[in-house]
């Protein structure tokens, strides 16, 4: 039946919803994208999903209001406790700390730029 040894249980919960797969952990602070430039700045976006699409399209998880951004410009994928940013074959590319990337793991304080939209990445715990 039920295991009475609760010490072995993980405090994290995964929920599948219309919003996609969410991850929750009572002891974990989510990573954050802090938008510092571009339409909508300043704003902070908590990264609460294991996969997010950034772009100007209606279906993007993080909508960016810029003609320099593709409809599905980039994706953020959670791998363990880290986020990997991947260019989704966008028209203008993705720049991490001023360098054009195809895919890269984000680190605390990294600057992520898509068109004229600029974010600073803050790692969660």
PDB file of N, CA and C in Angstrom:
ATOM      1  N   UNK A   1       0.816  -1.187   0.000  1.00  0.00           N
ATOM      2  CA  UNK A   1       0.000   0.000   0.000  1.00  0.00           C
ATOM      3  C   UNK A   1       0.865   1.258   0.000  1.00  0.00           C
ATOM      4  N   UNK A   2       0.762   2.074   1.061  1.00  0.00           N
ATOM      5  CA  UNK A   2       1.484   3.336   1.119  1.00  0.00           C
ATOM      6  C   UNK A   2       2.791   3.175   1.876  1.00  0.00           C
ATOM      7  N   UNK A   3       3.802   3.887   1.432  1.00  0.00           N
ATOM      8  CA  UNK A   3       5.102   3.856   2.088  1.00  0.00           C
ATOM      9  C   UNK A   3       5.089   4.870   3.221  1.00  0.00           C
ATOM     10  N   UNK A   4       5.334   4.427   4.432  1.00  0.00           N
ATOM     11  CA  UNK A   4       5.310   5.326   5.587  1.00  0.00           C
ATOM     12  C   UNK A   4       6.621   6.068   5.797  1.00  0.00           C
ATOM     13  N   UNK A   5       7.636   5.794   4.989  1.00  0.00           N
ATOM     14  CA  UNK A   5       8.931   6.451   5.139  1.00  0.00           C
ATOM     15  C   UNK A   5       8.946   7.730   4.308  1.00  0.00           C
ATOM     16  N   UNK A   6       8.381   8.805   4.837  1.00  0.00           N
ATOM     17  CA  UNK A   6       8.232  10.070   4.113  1.00  0.00           C
ATOM     18  C   UNK A   6       9.555  10.793   3.891  1.00  0.00           C
ATOM     19  N   UNK A   7      10.599  10.430   4.647  1.00  0.00           N
ATOM     20  CA  UNK A   7      11.892  11.108   4.503  1.00  0.00           C
ATOM     21  C   UNK A   7      12.494  10.909   3.117  1.00  0.00           C
ATOM     22  N   UNK A   8      12.119   9.833   2.440  1.00  0.00           N
ATOM     23  CA  UNK A   8      12.665   9.551   1.117  1.00  0.00           C
ATOM     24  C   UNK A   8      11.900  10.248   0.004  1.00  0.00           C
ATOM     25  N   UNK A   9      10.786  10.864   0.327  1.00  0.00           N
ATOM     26  CA  UNK A   9       9.961  11.507  -0.689  1.00  0.00           C
ATOM     27  C   UNK A   9      10.600  12.809  -1.133  1.00  0.00           C
ATOM     28  N   UNK A  10      10.473  13.107  -2.373  1.00  0.00           N
ATOM     29  CA  UNK A  10      10.959  14.357  -2.953  1.00  0.00           C
ATOM     30  C   UNK A  10       9.914  15.433  -2.723  1.00  0.00           C
ATOM     31  N   UNK A  11      10.325  16.644  -2.345  1.00  0.00           N
ATOM     32  CA  UNK A  11       9.387  17.738  -2.111  1.00  0.00           C
ATOM     33  C   UNK A  11       8.871  18.356  -3.404  1.00  0.00           C
ATOM     34  N   UNK A  12       9.387  17.931  -4.551  1.00  0.00           N
ATOM     35  CA  UNK A  12       8.975  18.535  -5.810  1.00  0.00           C
ATOM     36  C   UNK A  12       7.703  17.878  -6.329  1.00  0.00           C
ATOM     37  N   UNK A  13       6.943  18.660  -7.082  1.00  0.00           N
ATOM     38  CA  UNK A  13       5.700  18.193  -7.669  1.00  0.00           C
ATOM     39  C   UNK A  13       5.700  18.611  -9.124  1.00  0.00           C
ATOM     40  N   UNK A  14       5.337  17.701 -10.009  1.00  0.00           N
ATOM     41  CA  UNK A  14       5.206  18.033 -11.420  1.00  0.00           C
ATOM     42  C   UNK A  14       3.734  17.998 -11.767  1.00  0.00           C
ATOM     43  N   UNK A  15       3.263  19.052 -12.433  1.00  0.00           N
ATOM     44  CA  UNK A  15       1.859  19.167 -12.799  1.00  0.00           C
ATOM     45  C   UNK A  15       1.777  19.387 -14.294  1.00  0.00           C
ATOM     46  N   UNK A  16       0.956  18.606 -14.959  1.00  0.00           N
ATOM     47  CA  UNK A  16       0.730  18.798 -16.381  1.00  0.00           C
ATOM     48  C   UNK A  16      -0.598  19.538 -16.523  1.00  0.00           C
ATOM     49  N   UNK A  17      -0.583  20.656 -17.244  1.00  0.00           N
ATOM     50  CA  UNK A  17      -1.791  21.471 -17.395  1.00  0.00           C
ATOM     51  C   UNK A  17      -1.857  22.027 -18.800  1.00  0.00           C
ATOM     52  N   UNK A  18      -2.869  22.857 -19.051  1.00  0.00           N
ATOM     53  CA  UNK A  18      -2.988  23.524 -20.338  1.00  0.00           C
ATOM     54  C   UNK A  18      -1.800  24.439 -20.598  1.00  0.00           C
ATOM     55  N   UNK A  19      -1.131  24.856 -19.549  1.00  0.00           N
ATOM     56  CA  UNK A  19       0.029  25.738 -19.669  1.00  0.00           C
ATOM     57  C   UNK A  19       1.301  24.972 -19.978  1.00  0.00           C
ATOM     58  N   UNK A  20       1.252  23.661 -19.964  1.00  0.00           N
ATOM     59  CA  UNK A  20       2.432  22.846 -20.184  1.00  0.00           C
ATOM     60  C   UNK A  20       2.832  22.176 -18.891  1.00  0.00           C
ATOM     61  N   UNK A  21       4.012  21.624 -18.865  1.00  0.00           N
ATOM     62  CA  UNK A  21       4.491  20.939 -17.672  1.00  0.00           C
ATOM     63  C   UNK A  21       5.130  21.966 -16.750  1.00  0.00           C
ATOM     64  N   UNK A  22       4.622  22.018 -15.531  1.00  0.00           N
ATOM     65  CA  UNK A  22       5.138  22.946 -14.532  1.00  0.00           C
ATOM     66  C   UNK A  22       5.970  22.155 -13.536  1.00  0.00           C
ATOM     67  N   UNK A  23       6.955  22.799 -12.935  1.00  0.00           N
ATOM     68  CA  UNK A  23       7.674  22.140 -11.864  1.00  0.00           C
ATOM     69  C   UNK A  23       7.574  23.022 -10.633  1.00  0.00           C
ATOM     70  N   UNK A  24       7.346  22.386  -9.520  1.00  0.00           N
ATOM     71  CA  UNK A  24       7.223  23.110  -8.262  1.00  0.00           C
ATOM     72  C   UNK A  24       8.086  22.389  -7.237  1.00  0.00           C
ATOM     73  N   UNK A  25       8.774  23.128  -6.420  1.00  0.00           N
ATOM     74  CA  UNK A  25       9.559  22.546  -5.349  1.00  0.00           C
ATOM     75  C   UNK A  25       9.510  23.528  -4.200  1.00  0.00           C
ATOM     76  N   UNK A  26       9.063  23.077  -3.071  1.00  0.00           N
ATOM     77  CA  UNK A  26       8.882  23.963  -1.927  1.00  0.00           C
ATOM     78  C   UNK A  26      10.182  24.628  -1.492  1.00  0.00           C
ATOM     79  N   UNK A  27      11.309  23.951  -1.691  1.00  0.00           N
ATOM     80  CA  UNK A  27      12.596  24.497  -1.250  1.00  0.00           C
ATOM     81  C   UNK A  27      13.339  25.219  -2.360  1.00  0.00           C
ATOM     82  N   UNK A  28      12.758  25.304  -3.542  1.00  0.00           N
ATOM     83  CA  UNK A  28      13.453  25.846  -4.705  1.00  0.00           C
ATOM     84  C   UNK A  28      12.898  27.217  -5.090  1.00  0.00           C
ATOM     85  N   UNK A  29      13.797  28.163  -5.283  1.00  0.00           N
ATOM     86  CA  UNK A  29      13.431  29.476  -5.803  1.00  0.00           C
ATOM     87  C   UNK A  29      13.582  29.418  -7.314  1.00  0.00           C
ATOM     88  N   UNK A  30      12.560  29.853  -8.079  1.00  0.00           N
ATOM     89  CA  UNK A  30      12.675  29.743  -9.536  1.00  0.00           C
ATOM     90  C   UNK A  30      13.730  30.676 -10.103  1.00  0.00           C
ATOM     91  N   UNK A  31      14.300  30.269 -11.215  1.00  0.00           N
ATOM     92  CA  UNK A  31      15.186  31.152 -11.962  1.00  0.00           C
ATOM     93  C   UNK A  31      14.337  32.270 -12.555  1.00  0.00           C
ATOM     94  N   UNK A  32      14.979  33.404 -12.880  1.00  0.00           N
ATOM     95  CA  UNK A  32      14.246  34.583 -13.337  1.00  0.00           C
ATOM     96  C   UNK A  32      14.955  35.199 -14.537  1.00  0.00           C
ATOM     97  N   UNK A  33      14.159  35.636 -15.516  1.00  0.00           N
ATOM     98  CA  UNK A  33      14.651  36.495 -16.591  1.00  0.00           C
ATOM     99  C   UNK A  33      14.198  37.904 -16.260  1.00  0.00           C
ATOM    100  N   UNK A  34      15.151  38.806 -16.125  1.00  0.00           N
ATOM    101  CA  UNK A  34      14.849  40.210 -15.851  1.00  0.00           C
ATOM    102  C   UNK A  34      14.995  40.977 -17.163  1.00  0.00           C
ATOM    103  N   UNK A  35      13.868  41.427 -17.720  1.00  0.00           N
ATOM    104  CA  UNK A  35      13.929  42.189 -18.970  1.00  0.00           C
ATOM    105  C   UNK A  35      14.347  43.613 -18.655  1.00  0.00           C
ATOM    106  N   UNK A  36      15.463  44.048 -19.271  1.00  0.00           N
ATOM    107  CA  UNK A  36      16.011  45.374 -18.994  1.00  0.00           C
ATOM    108  C   UNK A  36      15.907  46.319 -20.191  1.00  0.00           C
ATOM    109  N   UNK A  37      15.659  45.794 -21.396  1.00  0.00           N
ATOM    110  CA  UNK A  37      15.502  46.620 -22.594  1.00  0.00           C
ATOM    111  C   UNK A  37      14.434  46.023 -23.488  1.00  0.00           C
ATOM    112  N   UNK A  38      13.797  46.884 -24.275  1.00  0.00           N
ATOM    113  CA  UNK A  38      12.770  46.448 -25.214  1.00  0.00           C
ATOM    114  C   UNK A  38      11.378  46.730 -24.677  1.00  0.00           C
ATOM    115  N   UNK A  39      10.384  46.612 -25.554  1.00  0.00           N
ATOM    116  CA  UNK A  39       8.995  46.868 -25.165  1.00  0.00           C
ATOM    117  C   UNK A  39       8.599  45.960 -24.010  1.00  0.00           C
ATOM    118  N   UNK A  40       8.008  46.550 -22.992  1.00  0.00           N
ATOM    119  CA  UNK A  40       7.592  45.794 -21.815  1.00  0.00           C
ATOM    120  C   UNK A  40       8.566  45.867 -20.661  1.00  0.00           C
ATOM    121  N   UNK A  41       9.778  46.361 -20.910  1.00  0.00           N
ATOM    122  CA  UNK A  41      10.777  46.483 -19.839  1.00  0.00           C
ATOM    123  C   UNK A  41      10.428  47.669 -18.952  1.00  0.00           C
ATOM    124  N   UNK A  42      10.759  47.620 -17.705  1.00  0.00           N
ATOM    125  CA  UNK A  42      11.370  46.497 -16.985  1.00  0.00           C
ATOM    126  C   UNK A  42      10.293  45.526 -16.500  1.00  0.00           C
ATOM    127  N   UNK A  43      10.656  44.257 -16.489  1.00  0.00           N
ATOM    128  CA  UNK A  43       9.788  43.221 -15.911  1.00  0.00           C
ATOM    129  C   UNK A  43      10.643  42.025 -15.532  1.00  0.00           C
ATOM    130  N   UNK A  44      10.140  41.252 -14.569  1.00  0.00           N
ATOM    131  CA  UNK A  44      10.799  40.019 -14.145  1.00  0.00           C
ATOM    132  C   UNK A  44       9.877  38.857 -14.444  1.00  0.00           C
ATOM    133  N   UNK A  45      10.437  37.812 -15.020  1.00  0.00           N
ATOM    134  CA  UNK A  45       9.661  36.640 -15.416  1.00  0.00           C
ATOM    135  C   UNK A  45      10.232  35.423 -14.699  1.00  0.00           C
ATOM    136  N   UNK A  46       9.438  34.830 -13.808  1.00  0.00           N
ATOM    137  CA  UNK A  46       9.835  33.602 -13.120  1.00  0.00           C
ATOM    138  C   UNK A  46       9.699  32.437 -14.090  1.00  0.00           C
ATOM    139  N   UNK A  47      10.719  31.623 -14.171  1.00  0.00           N
ATOM    140  CA  UNK A  47      10.735  30.482 -15.079  1.00  0.00           C
ATOM    141  C   UNK A  47      10.179  29.266 -14.354  1.00  0.00           C
ATOM    142  N   UNK A  48       8.873  29.050 -14.517  1.00  0.00           N
ATOM    143  CA  UNK A  48       8.154  28.023 -13.770  1.00  0.00           C
ATOM    144  C   UNK A  48       7.818  26.783 -14.595  1.00  0.00           C
ATOM    145  N   UNK A  49       8.313  26.704 -15.812  1.00  0.00           N
ATOM    146  CA  UNK A  49       8.087  25.535 -16.649  1.00  0.00           C
ATOM    147  C   UNK A  49       9.416  24.893 -17.003  1.00  0.00           C
ATOM    148  N   UNK A  50       9.373  23.647 -17.412  1.00  0.00           N
ATOM    149  CA  UNK A  50      10.601  22.970 -17.824  1.00  0.00           C
ATOM    150  C   UNK A  50      10.947  23.284 -19.272  1.00  0.00           C
ATOM    151  N   UNK A  51      10.000  23.862 -20.021  1.00  0.00           N
ATOM    152  CA  UNK A  51      10.248  24.239 -21.414  1.00  0.00           C
ATOM    153  C   UNK A  51       9.418  25.474 -21.723  1.00  0.00           C
ATOM    154  N   UNK A  52      10.082  26.531 -22.196  1.00  0.00           N
ATOM    155  CA  UNK A  52       9.407  27.780 -22.533  1.00  0.00           C
ATOM    156  C   UNK A  52       9.885  28.285 -23.882  1.00  0.00           C
ATOM    157  N   UNK A  53       8.964  28.829 -24.658  1.00  0.00           N
ATOM    158  CA  UNK A  53       9.304  29.445 -25.937  1.00  0.00           C
ATOM    159  C   UNK A  53       9.192  30.953 -25.778  1.00  0.00           C
ATOM    160  N   UNK A  54      10.219  31.665 -26.266  1.00  0.00           N
ATOM    161  CA  UNK A  54      10.212  33.128 -26.279  1.00  0.00           C
ATOM    162  C   UNK A  54      10.029  33.583 -27.709  1.00  0.00           C
ATOM    163  N   UNK A  55       9.158  34.549 -27.930  1.00  0.00           N
ATOM    164  CA  UNK A  55       8.946  35.061 -29.273  1.00  0.00           C
ATOM    165  C   UNK A  55       7.770  36.008 -29.328  1.00  0.00           C
ATOM    166  N   UNK A  56       7.476  36.492 -30.525  1.00  0.00           N
ATOM    167  CA  UNK A  56       6.367  37.440 -30.675  1.00  0.00           C
ATOM    168  C   UNK A  56       5.061  36.764 -31.068  1.00  0.00           C
ATOM    169  N   UNK A  57       5.087  35.452 -31.298  1.00  0.00           N
ATOM    170  CA  UNK A  57       3.899  34.703 -31.695  1.00  0.00           C
ATOM    171  C   UNK A  57       2.903  34.542 -30.563  1.00  0.00           C
ATOM    172  N   UNK A  58       1.636  34.336 -30.941  1.00  0.00           N
ATOM    173  CA  UNK A  58       0.555  34.173 -29.971  1.00  0.00           C
ATOM    174  C   UNK A  58       0.756  32.970 -29.054  1.00  0.00           C
ATOM    175  N   UNK A  59       1.448  31.953 -29.528  1.00  0.00           N
ATOM    176  CA  UNK A  59       1.624  30.738 -28.729  1.00  0.00           C
ATOM    177  C   UNK A  59       2.893  30.744 -27.881  1.00  0.00           C
ATOM    178  N   UNK A  60       3.692  31.791 -27.966  1.00  0.00           N
ATOM    179  CA  UNK A  60       4.922  31.866 -27.167  1.00  0.00           C
ATOM    180  C   UNK A  60       4.576  31.944 -25.683  1.00  0.00           C
ATOM    181  N   UNK A  61       5.360  31.261 -24.859  1.00  0.00           N
ATOM    182  CA  UNK A  61       5.166  31.315 -23.410  1.00  0.00           C
ATOM    183  C   UNK A  61       5.545  32.680 -22.857  1.00  0.00           C
ATOM    184  N   UNK A  62       6.625  33.245 -23.411  1.00  0.00           N
ATOM    185  CA  UNK A  62       7.073  34.589 -23.026  1.00  0.00           C
ATOM    186  C   UNK A  62       6.986  35.438 -24.283  1.00  0.00           C
ATOM    187  N   UNK A  63       5.985  36.310 -24.338  1.00  0.00           N
ATOM    188  CA  UNK A  63       5.725  37.120 -25.530  1.00  0.00           C
ATOM    189  C   UNK A  63       6.627  38.351 -25.532  1.00  0.00           C
ATOM    190  N   UNK A  64       7.253  38.594 -26.679  1.00  0.00           N
ATOM    191  CA  UNK A  64       8.146  39.733 -26.862  1.00  0.00           C
ATOM    192  C   UNK A  64       7.581  40.599 -27.984  1.00  0.00           C
ATOM    193  N   UNK A  65       7.260  41.827 -27.664  1.00  0.00           N
ATOM    194  CA  UNK A  65       6.634  42.737 -28.615  1.00  0.00           C
ATOM    195  C   UNK A  65       7.713  43.505 -29.378  1.00  0.00           C
ATOM    196  N   UNK A  66       8.267  42.839 -30.405  1.00  0.00           N
ATOM    197  CA  UNK A  66       9.314  43.457 -31.206  1.00  0.00           C
ATOM    198  C   UNK A  66       9.303  42.851 -32.604  1.00  0.00           C
ATOM    199  N   UNK A  67       9.392  43.702 -33.609  1.00  0.00           N
ATOM    200  CA  UNK A  67       9.454  43.211 -34.992  1.00  0.00           C
ATOM    201  C   UNK A  67      10.804  42.552 -35.293  1.00  0.00           C
ATOM    202  N   UNK A  68      11.796  42.728 -34.409  1.00  0.00           N
ATOM    203  CA  UNK A  68      13.114  42.118 -34.578  1.00  0.00           C
ATOM    204  C   UNK A  68      13.175  40.701 -34.009  1.00  0.00           C
ATOM    205  N   UNK A  69      12.064  40.255 -33.431  1.00  0.00           N
ATOM    206  CA  UNK A  69      11.996  38.938 -32.800  1.00  0.00           C
ATOM    207  C   UNK A  69      11.092  38.042 -33.640  1.00  0.00           C
ATOM    208  N   UNK A  70      11.517  36.811 -33.870  1.00  0.00           N
ATOM    209  CA  UNK A  70      10.713  35.835 -34.619  1.00  0.00           C
ATOM    210  C   UNK A  70       9.536  35.367 -33.767  1.00  0.00           C
ATOM    211  N   UNK A  71       8.537  34.773 -34.437  1.00  0.00           N
ATOM    212  CA  UNK A  71       7.370  34.269 -33.702  1.00  0.00           C
ATOM    213  C   UNK A  71       7.775  33.244 -32.653  1.00  0.00           C
ATOM    214  N   UNK A  72       8.636  32.322 -33.004  1.00  0.00           N
ATOM    215  CA  UNK A  72       9.239  31.369 -32.058  1.00  0.00           C
ATOM    216  C   UNK A  72      10.742  31.575 -32.166  1.00  0.00           C
ATOM    217  N   UNK A  73      11.261  32.464 -31.357  1.00  0.00           N
ATOM    218  CA  UNK A  73      12.638  32.921 -31.499  1.00  0.00           C
ATOM    219  C   UNK A  73      13.633  31.990 -30.794  1.00  0.00           C
ATOM    220  N   UNK A  74      13.345  31.689 -29.517  1.00  0.00           N
ATOM    221  CA  UNK A  74      14.266  30.880 -28.709  1.00  0.00           C
ATOM    222  C   UNK A  74      13.466  30.038 -27.732  1.00  0.00           C
ATOM    223  N   UNK A  75      14.109  29.000 -27.220  1.00  0.00           N
ATOM    224  CA  UNK A  75      13.488  28.152 -26.205  1.00  0.00           C
ATOM    225  C   UNK A  75      14.413  28.042 -25.009  1.00  0.00           C
ATOM    226  N   UNK A  76      13.808  27.960 -23.835  1.00  0.00           N
ATOM    227  CA  UNK A  76      14.543  27.680 -22.607  1.00  0.00           C
ATOM    228  C   UNK A  76      14.095  26.307 -22.136  1.00  0.00           C
ATOM    229  N   UNK A  77      15.069  25.437 -21.884  1.00  0.00           N
ATOM    230  CA  UNK A  77      14.780  24.069 -21.456  1.00  0.00           C
ATOM    231  C   UNK A  77      15.513  23.814 -20.152  1.00  0.00           C
ATOM    232  N   UNK A  78      14.778  23.357 -19.142  1.00  0.00           N
ATOM    233  CA  UNK A  78      15.402  23.067 -17.845  1.00  0.00           C
ATOM    234  C   UNK A  78      16.033  21.683 -17.893  1.00  0.00           C
ATOM    235  N   UNK A  79      17.315  21.640 -17.571  1.00  0.00           N
ATOM    236  CA  UNK A  79      18.069  20.389 -17.516  1.00  0.00           C
ATOM    237  C   UNK A  79      18.669  20.320 -16.121  1.00  0.00           C
ATOM    238  N   UNK A  80      18.136  19.462 -15.288  1.00  0.00           N
ATOM    239  CA  UNK A  80      18.559  19.427 -13.892  1.00  0.00           C
ATOM    240  C   UNK A  80      18.137  20.724 -13.221  1.00  0.00           C
ATOM    241  N   UNK A  81      19.096  21.442 -12.683  1.00  0.00           N
ATOM    242  CA  UNK A  81      18.794  22.728 -12.046  1.00  0.00           C
ATOM    243  C   UNK A  81      19.167  23.905 -12.948  1.00  0.00           C
ATOM    244  N   UNK A  82      19.614  23.622 -14.170  1.00  0.00           N
ATOM    245  CA  UNK A  82      20.073  24.663 -15.089  1.00  0.00           C
ATOM    246  C   UNK A  82      19.084  24.855 -16.238  1.00  0.00           C
ATOM    247  N   UNK A  83      19.165  26.030 -16.860  1.00  0.00           N
ATOM    248  CA  UNK A  83      18.400  26.290 -18.072  1.00  0.00           C
ATOM    249  C   UNK A  83      19.344  26.400 -19.254  1.00  0.00           C
ATOM    250  N   UNK A  84      18.943  25.772 -20.353  1.00  0.00           N
ATOM    251  CA  UNK A  84      19.678  25.846 -21.610  1.00  0.00           C
ATOM    252  C   UNK A  84      18.843  26.693 -22.557  1.00  0.00           C
ATOM    253  N   UNK A  85      19.475  27.656 -23.208  1.00  0.00           N
ATOM    254  CA  UNK A  85      18.812  28.504 -24.197  1.00  0.00           C
ATOM    255  C   UNK A  85      19.186  27.993 -25.582  1.00  0.00           C
ATOM    256  N   UNK A  86      18.166  27.840 -26.435  1.00  0.00           N
ATOM    257  CA  UNK A  86      18.388  27.343 -27.792  1.00  0.00           C
ATOM    258  C   UNK A  86      17.735  28.272 -28.803  1.00  0.00           C
ATOM    259  N   UNK A  87      18.479  28.667 -29.804  1.00  0.00           N
ATOM    260  CA  UNK A  87      17.926  29.452 -30.913  1.00  0.00           C
ATOM    261  C   UNK A  87      17.027  28.538 -31.731  1.00  0.00           C
ATOM    262  N   UNK A  88      15.830  28.982 -32.046  1.00  0.00           N
ATOM    263  CA  UNK A  88      14.884  28.181 -32.824  1.00  0.00           C
ATOM    264  C   UNK A  88      14.907  28.604 -34.293  1.00  0.00           C
ATOM    265  N   UNK A  89      16.128  28.726 -34.834  1.00  0.00           N
ATOM    266  CA  UNK A  89      16.331  29.150 -36.223  1.00  0.00           C
ATOM    267  C   UNK A  89      15.689  30.510 -36.485  1.00  0.00           C
ATOM    268  N   UNK A  90      15.891  31.407 -35.530  1.00  0.00           N
ATOM    269  CA  UNK A  90      15.326  32.756 -35.635  1.00  0.00           C
ATOM    270  C   UNK A  90      16.020  33.563 -36.729  1.00  0.00           C
ATOM    271  N   UNK A  91      15.343  34.578 -37.166  1.00  0.00           N
ATOM    272  CA  UNK A  91      15.844  35.450 -38.229  1.00  0.00           C
ATOM    273  C   UNK A  91      17.082  36.238 -37.778  1.00  0.00           C
ATOM    274  N   UNK A  92      17.066  36.777 -36.565  1.00  0.00           N
ATOM    275  CA  UNK A  92      18.156  37.641 -36.090  1.00  0.00           C
ATOM    276  C   UNK A  92      19.074  36.997 -35.061  1.00  0.00           C
ATOM    277  N   UNK A  93      18.813  35.754 -34.706  1.00  0.00           N
ATOM    278  CA  UNK A  93      19.698  35.044 -33.788  1.00  0.00           C
ATOM    279  C   UNK A  93      19.505  35.405 -32.324  1.00  0.00           C
ATOM    280  N   UNK A  94      20.225  34.664 -31.491  1.00  0.00           N
ATOM    281  CA  UNK A  94      20.235  34.858 -30.045  1.00  0.00           C
ATOM    282  C   UNK A  94      21.666  35.153 -29.640  1.00  0.00           C
ATOM    283  N   UNK A  95      21.836  36.178 -28.816  1.00  0.00           N
ATOM    284  CA  UNK A  95      23.171  36.557 -28.347  1.00  0.00           C
ATOM    285  C   UNK A  95      23.256  36.382 -26.835  1.00  0.00           C
ATOM    286  N   UNK A  96      24.278  35.663 -26.405  1.00  0.00           N
ATOM    287  CA  UNK A  96      24.544  35.463 -24.988  1.00  0.00           C
ATOM    288  C   UNK A  96      25.837  36.190 -24.658  1.00  0.00           C
ATOM    289  N   UNK A  97      25.738  37.190 -23.810  1.00  0.00           N
ATOM    290  CA  UNK A  97      26.897  38.019 -23.441  1.00  0.00           C
ATOM    291  C   UNK A  97      27.598  38.567 -24.681  1.00  0.00           C
ATOM    292  N   UNK A  98      26.804  38.951 -25.688  1.00  0.00           N
ATOM    293  CA  UNK A  98      27.338  39.573 -26.894  1.00  0.00           C
ATOM    294  C   UNK A  98      27.807  38.612 -27.975  1.00  0.00           C
ATOM    295  N   UNK A  99      27.711  37.303 -27.731  1.00  0.00           N
ATOM    296  CA  UNK A  99      28.174  36.302 -28.688  1.00  0.00           C
ATOM    297  C   UNK A  99      26.964  35.536 -29.230  1.00  0.00           C
ATOM    298  N   UNK A 100      26.879  35.421 -30.560  1.00  0.00           N
ATOM    299  CA  UNK A 100      25.769  34.696 -31.170  1.00  0.00           C
ATOM    300  C   UNK A 100      25.899  33.206 -30.849  1.00  0.00           C
ATOM    301  N   UNK A 101      24.791  32.614 -30.388  1.00  0.00           N
ATOM    302  CA  UNK A 101      24.812  31.202 -29.996  1.00  0.00           C
ATOM    303  C   UNK A 101      23.742  30.409 -30.742  1.00  0.00           C
ATOM    304  N   UNK A 102      23.937  29.103 -30.765  1.00  0.00           N
ATOM    305  CA  UNK A 102      22.876  28.195 -31.197  1.00  0.00           C
ATOM    306  C   UNK A 102      22.235  27.570 -29.958  1.00  0.00           C
ATOM    307  N   UNK A 103      23.085  27.198 -28.983  1.00  0.00           N
ATOM    308  CA  UNK A 103      22.625  26.605 -27.739  1.00  0.00           C
ATOM    309  C   UNK A 103      23.681  26.839 -26.668  1.00  0.00           C
ATOM    310  N   UNK A 104      23.225  27.199 -25.455  1.00  0.00           N
ATOM    311  CA  UNK A 104      24.178  27.430 -24.361  1.00  0.00           C
ATOM    312  C   UNK A 104      23.458  27.332 -23.019  1.00  0.00           C
ATOM    313  N   UNK A 105      24.197  26.893 -22.007  1.00  0.00           N
ATOM    314  CA  UNK A 105      23.678  26.847 -20.645  1.00  0.00           C
ATOM    315  C   UNK A 105      23.809  28.231 -20.030  1.00  0.00           C
ATOM    316  N   UNK A 106      22.733  28.703 -19.401  1.00  0.00           N
ATOM    317  CA  UNK A 106      22.733  30.038 -18.799  1.00  0.00           C
ATOM    318  C   UNK A 106      23.352  29.993 -17.410  1.00  0.00           C
ATOM    319  N   UNK A 107      24.070  31.074 -17.079  1.00  0.00           N
ATOM    320  CA  UNK A 107      24.708  31.237 -15.774  1.00  0.00           C
ATOM    321  C   UNK A 107      24.266  32.568 -15.159  1.00  0.00           C
ATOM    322  N   UNK A 108      24.377  32.651 -13.844  1.00  0.00           N
ATOM    323  CA  UNK A 108      23.988  33.855 -13.111  1.00  0.00           C
ATOM    324  C   UNK A 108      24.603  35.110 -13.741  1.00  0.00           C
ATOM    325  N   UNK A 109      23.751  36.102 -14.013  1.00  0.00           N
ATOM    326  CA  UNK A 109      24.213  37.385 -14.547  1.00  0.00           C
ATOM    327  C   UNK A 109      24.393  37.438 -16.045  1.00  0.00           C
ATOM    328  N   UNK A 110      24.164  36.320 -16.754  1.00  0.00           N
ATOM    329  CA  UNK A 110      24.291  36.317 -18.215  1.00  0.00           C
ATOM    330  C   UNK A 110      23.307  37.303 -18.837  1.00  0.00           C
ATOM    331  N   UNK A 111      23.737  37.937 -19.923  1.00  0.00           N
ATOM    332  CA  UNK A 111      22.887  38.818 -20.706  1.00  0.00           C
ATOM    333  C   UNK A 111      22.432  38.062 -21.937  1.00  0.00           C
ATOM    334  N   UNK A 112      21.126  38.000 -22.139  1.00  0.00           N
ATOM    335  CA  UNK A 112      20.517  37.283 -23.249  1.00  0.00           C
ATOM    336  C   UNK A 112      19.782  38.303 -24.111  1.00  0.00           C
ATOM    337  N   UNK A 113      20.141  38.375 -25.418  1.00  0.00           N
ATOM    338  CA  UNK A 113      19.538  39.368 -26.305  1.00  0.00           C
ATOM    339  C   UNK A 113      18.915  38.702 -27.522  1.00  0.00           C
ATOM    340  N   UNK A 114      17.672  39.121 -27.805  1.00  0.00           N
ATOM    341  CA  UNK A 114      16.934  38.706 -28.995  1.00  0.00           C
ATOM    342  C   UNK A 114      16.408  39.974 -29.640  1.00  0.00           C
ATOM    343  N   UNK A 115      16.969  40.348 -30.792  1.00  0.00           N
ATOM    344  CA  UNK A 115      16.585  41.626 -31.408  1.00  0.00           C
ATOM    345  C   UNK A 115      16.939  42.763 -30.473  1.00  0.00           C
ATOM    346  N   UNK A 116      15.956  43.628 -30.201  1.00  0.00           N
ATOM    347  CA  UNK A 116      16.215  44.758 -29.299  1.00  0.00           C
ATOM    348  C   UNK A 116      15.747  44.477 -27.866  1.00  0.00           C
ATOM    349  N   UNK A 117      15.447  43.217 -27.574  1.00  0.00           N
ATOM    350  CA  UNK A 117      15.005  42.809 -26.229  1.00  0.00           C
ATOM    351  C   UNK A 117      16.192  42.195 -25.502  1.00  0.00           C
ATOM    352  N   UNK A 118      16.452  42.702 -24.296  1.00  0.00           N
ATOM    353  CA  UNK A 118      17.601  42.244 -23.508  1.00  0.00           C
ATOM    354  C   UNK A 118      17.132  41.786 -22.128  1.00  0.00           C
ATOM    355  N   UNK A 119      17.621  40.615 -21.731  1.00  0.00           N
ATOM    356  CA  UNK A 119      17.325  40.037 -20.423  1.00  0.00           C
ATOM    357  C   UNK A 119      18.625  39.811 -19.659  1.00  0.00           C
ATOM    358  N   UNK A 120      18.524  39.824 -18.337  1.00  0.00           N
ATOM    359  CA  UNK A 120      19.593  39.351 -17.465  1.00  0.00           C
ATOM    360  C   UNK A 120      19.038  38.118 -16.760  1.00  0.00           C
ATOM    361  N   UNK A 121      19.816  37.041 -16.786  1.00  0.00           N
ATOM    362  CA  UNK A 121      19.389  35.778 -16.197  1.00  0.00           C
ATOM    363  C   UNK A 121      19.848  35.695 -14.745  1.00  0.00           C
ATOM    364  N   UNK A 122      18.929  35.268 -13.873  1.00  0.00           N
ATOM    365  CA  UNK A 122      19.246  35.061 -12.457  1.00  0.00           C
ATOM    366  C   UNK A 122      18.894  33.629 -12.091  1.00  0.00           C
ATOM    367  N   UNK A 123      19.889  32.877 -11.620  1.00  0.00           N
ATOM    368  CA  UNK A 123      19.696  31.474 -11.257  1.00  0.00           C
ATOM    369  C   UNK A 123      18.841  31.351 -10.014  1.00  0.00           C
ATOM    370  N   UNK A 124      17.988  30.348 -10.029  1.00  0.00           N
ATOM    371  CA  UNK A 124      17.215  30.009  -8.837  1.00  0.00           C
ATOM    372  C   UNK A 124      18.055  29.130  -7.922  1.00  0.00           C
ATOM    373  N   UNK A 125      17.428  28.656  -6.897  1.00  0.00           N
ATOM    374  CA  UNK A 125      18.166  27.773  -5.964  1.00  0.00           C
ATOM    375  C   UNK A 125      17.511  26.418  -5.901  1.00  0.00           C
TER     376      UNK A 125
END
